[in-house]
Amino acid sequence: MVKIIELYYDAILRSKKTSPNQLKETQKREKKLLQKVVQLEEENRKLSAKKQSTKKLKKEFQQASQGLKAVDWYNKALSLLNLNSGELTESKKVIEYLNNAINLQPDYADAYSMRGIAYVSLGQNQRAIDDYNEAIRLKPDYVRAYVNRGAVYLLQEDSKRGCLDAQKACDLGECELLKRAKIQGLCR
């Protein structure tokens, strides 16, 4: 089983690389938005003190708080992946960021798949499987979701489903899970 876990994290590392430029851009946008929020909060205090209407300000605040795009939230979550070990350093924070991404873009298959990884790291395998199912529903040829779901099934000693997913992933071009599962006698 240890080899399946190692493969699982290997698969994560190969599939989840964000360039430093993407992270810098996300951080720049986030900084600008936070500055805007601070400015709006200050204006809100002034208007409230004068007992003036804050409707326009509330609308601007909502727009500013929605400024981060789904991909930005995804990149923030991805930045919490330890590239040396393949482990998530703050799984709950990753889930929070990915929930934001999914709320902004409900058809974001990568976000579901990454959130599944976070759920596995918390031992919430069924929630992970549910997210991999959704990623596959959204993107039927999503090889990473098949690899990840197959690895979770194999971790749960559900060889039938795990091997089916490993075979599907292999049919889509990623055979490492199937090879390792065969070596360990988990799949035929």
Protein backbone atom coordinates (compact mmCIF):
# COMPACT_ATOMS: atom_id res chain seq x y z
CA MET A 1 0.00 0.00 0.00
CA VAL A 2 2.91 2.38 0.66
CA LYS A 3 3.86 2.30 -3.03
CA ILE A 4 0.32 3.32 -4.00
CA ILE A 5 0.55 6.30 -1.63
CA GLU A 6 3.93 7.24 -3.13
CA LEU A 7 2.46 6.95 -6.61
CA TYR A 8 -0.46 9.09 -5.56
CA TYR A 9 1.84 11.91 -4.49
CA ASP A 10 4.04 11.40 -7.57
CA ALA A 11 0.94 11.88 -9.72
CA ILE A 12 0.05 15.03 -7.82
CA LEU A 13 3.50 16.48 -8.33
CA ARG A 14 3.52 15.77 -12.05
CA SER A 15 0.09 17.22 -12.65
CA LYS A 16 0.01 20.22 -10.34
CA LYS A 17 2.75 22.66 -11.20
CA THR A 18 2.10 26.36 -11.18
CA SER A 19 4.67 28.74 -12.53
CA PRO A 20 6.12 31.37 -10.22
CA ASN A 21 4.75 34.00 -12.62
CA GLN A 22 1.19 32.74 -12.13
CA LEU A 23 1.58 32.94 -8.36
CA LYS A 24 3.10 36.44 -8.56
CA GLU A 25 0.22 37.66 -10.72
CA THR A 26 -2.29 36.20 -8.28
CA GLN A 27 -0.49 37.83 -5.37
CA LYS A 28 -0.42 41.21 -7.17
CA ARG A 29 -4.16 41.05 -7.87
CA GLU A 30 -4.84 40.00 -4.30
CA LYS A 31 -2.75 42.89 -2.93
CA LYS A 32 -4.59 45.42 -5.14
CA LEU A 33 -7.94 44.03 -4.05
CA LEU A 34 -6.99 44.16 -0.38
CA GLN A 35 -5.90 47.79 -0.80
CA LYS A 36 -9.24 48.54 -2.44
CA VAL A 37 -11.10 46.85 0.42
CA VAL A 38 -9.18 48.90 2.99
CA GLN A 39 -10.00 52.08 1.06
CA LEU A 40 -13.67 51.12 0.87
CA GLU A 41 -13.80 50.33 4.58
CA GLU A 42 -12.37 53.76 5.36
CA GLU A 43 -14.95 55.44 3.11
CA ASN A 44 -17.67 53.37 4.77
CA ARG A 45 -16.60 54.60 8.21
CA LYS A 46 -16.68 58.22 7.02
CA LEU A 47 -20.10 57.88 5.39
CA SER A 48 -21.51 56.04 8.39
CA ALA A 49 -20.23 58.78 10.72
CA LYS A 50 -22.02 61.36 8.56
CA LYS A 51 -25.08 59.08 8.36
CA GLN A 52 -24.96 59.08 4.56
CA SER A 53 -26.01 56.23 2.29
CA THR A 54 -23.51 53.43 1.83
CA LYS A 55 -25.35 51.56 -0.96
CA LYS A 56 -22.88 52.55 -3.67
CA LEU A 57 -20.00 51.65 -1.38
CA LYS A 58 -21.49 48.22 -0.63
CA LYS A 59 -21.70 47.51 -4.35
CA GLU A 60 -18.05 48.52 -4.86
CA PHE A 61 -17.04 46.36 -1.91
CA GLN A 62 -18.82 43.35 -3.40
CA GLN A 63 -17.10 43.92 -6.73
CA ALA A 64 -13.70 44.22 -5.08
CA SER A 65 -14.19 41.09 -3.01
CA GLN A 66 -15.15 39.15 -6.14
CA GLY A 67 -12.04 40.35 -7.96
CA LEU A 68 -10.04 37.18 -7.52
CA LYS A 69 -10.80 34.77 -10.31
CA ALA A 70 -11.32 31.04 -9.88
CA VAL A 71 -7.86 30.38 -11.28
CA ASP A 72 -6.38 32.75 -8.69
CA TRP A 73 -7.98 30.81 -5.87
CA TYR A 74 -6.76 27.58 -7.47
CA ASN A 75 -3.21 28.94 -7.68
CA LYS A 76 -3.36 30.05 -4.04
CA ALA A 77 -4.37 26.52 -3.08
CA LEU A 78 -1.66 25.06 -5.27
CA SER A 79 0.96 27.23 -3.60
CA LEU A 80 0.30 25.30 -0.38
CA LEU A 81 1.44 22.04 -1.99
CA ASN A 82 4.88 21.08 -0.72
CA LEU A 83 6.73 20.23 -3.92
CA ASN A 84 9.41 18.30 -2.04
CA SER A 85 7.06 15.81 -0.42
CA GLY A 86 3.89 16.20 -2.48
CA GLU A 87 1.95 16.84 0.71
CA LEU A 88 -0.47 19.63 1.39
CA THR A 89 0.74 21.79 4.22
CA GLU A 90 -2.63 23.35 5.08
CA SER A 91 -5.38 21.10 3.78
CA LYS A 92 -8.25 23.04 5.34
CA LYS A 93 -6.98 26.31 3.84
CA VAL A 94 -6.60 24.55 0.46
CA ILE A 95 -10.22 23.40 0.68
CA GLU A 96 -11.34 26.94 1.56
CA TYR A 97 -9.50 28.39 -1.45
CA LEU A 98 -10.84 25.69 -3.77
CA ASN A 99 -14.38 26.21 -2.48
CA ASN A 100 -14.00 29.84 -3.54
CA ALA A 101 -12.75 28.77 -6.97
CA ILE A 102 -15.65 26.34 -7.40
CA ASN A 103 -18.20 28.94 -6.24
CA LEU A 104 -16.88 31.32 -8.90
CA GLN A 105 -16.59 28.65 -11.60
CA PRO A 106 -18.70 25.55 -10.84
CA ASP A 107 -17.37 23.68 -13.90
CA TYR A 108 -13.70 23.95 -12.84
CA ALA A 109 -12.68 20.28 -13.00
CA ASP A 110 -9.11 20.95 -11.84
CA ALA A 111 -10.41 22.59 -8.67
CA TYR A 112 -12.55 19.56 -7.85
CA SER A 113 -9.61 17.23 -8.44
CA MET A 114 -7.26 19.31 -6.28
CA ARG A 115 -9.88 19.56 -3.53
CA GLY A 116 -10.10 15.78 -3.67
CA ILE A 117 -6.39 15.63 -2.93
CA ALA A 118 -6.91 17.87 0.10
CA TYR A 119 -9.74 15.67 1.34
CA VAL A 120 -7.52 12.58 1.05
CA SER A 121 -4.84 14.30 3.11
CA LEU A 122 -7.48 14.79 5.84
CA GLY A 123 -8.59 11.16 5.60
CA GLN A 124 -11.94 12.13 4.05
CA ASN A 125 -11.74 9.61 1.24
CA GLN A 126 -15.43 9.56 0.34
CA ARG A 127 -15.48 13.32 -0.10
CA ALA A 128 -12.38 13.00 -2.27
CA ILE A 129 -14.06 10.35 -4.40
CA ASP A 130 -17.12 12.59 -4.75
CA ASP A 131 -14.87 15.40 -6.02
CA TYR A 132 -13.07 13.10 -8.45
CA ASN A 133 -16.46 11.90 -9.69
CA GLU A 134 -17.48 15.51 -10.32
CA ALA A 135 -14.19 16.28 -12.09
CA ILE A 136 -14.73 13.25 -14.34
CA ARG A 137 -18.35 14.23 -14.99
CA LEU A 138 -17.18 17.68 -16.06
CA LYS A 139 -14.22 16.40 -18.05
CA PRO A 140 -14.71 12.72 -19.02
CA ASP A 141 -11.15 12.24 -20.30
CA TYR A 142 -9.50 13.81 -17.24
CA VAL A 143 -6.71 11.31 -16.68
CA ARG A 144 -5.52 12.86 -13.38
CA ALA A 145 -8.96 12.41 -11.83
CA TYR A 146 -8.98 8.73 -12.83
CA VAL A 147 -5.48 8.25 -11.40
CA ASN A 148 -6.38 10.03 -8.16
CA ARG A 149 -9.71 8.25 -7.71
CA GLY A 150 -8.12 4.91 -8.59
CA ALA A 151 -5.36 5.48 -6.03
CA VAL A 152 -7.94 6.27 -3.34
CA TYR A 153 -9.92 3.13 -4.16
CA LEU A 154 -6.72 1.09 -3.96
CA LEU A 155 -5.87 2.74 -0.63
CA GLN A 156 -9.30 1.66 0.58
CA GLU A 157 -8.57 -1.86 -0.68
CA ASP A 158 -11.31 -1.63 -3.31
CA SER A 159 -9.24 -3.31 -6.01
CA LYS A 160 -12.12 -3.73 -8.44
CA ARG A 161 -12.85 -0.01 -8.72
CA GLY A 162 -9.22 1.00 -8.29
CA CYS A 163 -8.10 -1.26 -11.11
CA LEU A 164 -10.91 -0.06 -13.38
CA ASP A 165 -9.79 3.54 -12.86
CA ALA A 166 -6.12 2.59 -13.28
CA GLN A 167 -7.00 0.87 -16.56
CA LYS A 168 -9.05 3.88 -17.74
CA ALA A 169 -6.13 6.17 -16.90
CA CYS A 170 -3.82 3.86 -18.84
CA ASP A 171 -6.22 3.91 -21.80
CA LEU A 172 -5.92 7.70 -21.64
CA GLY A 173 -2.13 7.52 -21.64
CA GLU A 174 -1.09 7.40 -17.96
CA CYS A 175 -0.18 3.80 -17.04
CA GLU A 176 1.99 4.21 -13.94
CA LEU A 177 -0.78 3.50 -11.41
CA LEU A 178 -1.80 0.35 -13.28
CA LYS A 179 1.81 -0.85 -13.56
CA ARG A 180 2.47 -0.37 -9.85
CA ALA A 181 -0.83 -1.91 -8.85
CA LYS A 182 -0.03 -4.97 -10.98
CA ILE A 183 3.42 -5.29 -9.45
CA GLN A 184 1.82 -5.24 -5.99
CA GLY A 185 -0.72 -7.85 -7.07
CA LEU A 186 -3.66 -5.48 -6.70
CA CYS A 187 -4.66 -5.55 -10.37
CA ARG A 188 -4.36 -8.19 -13.06
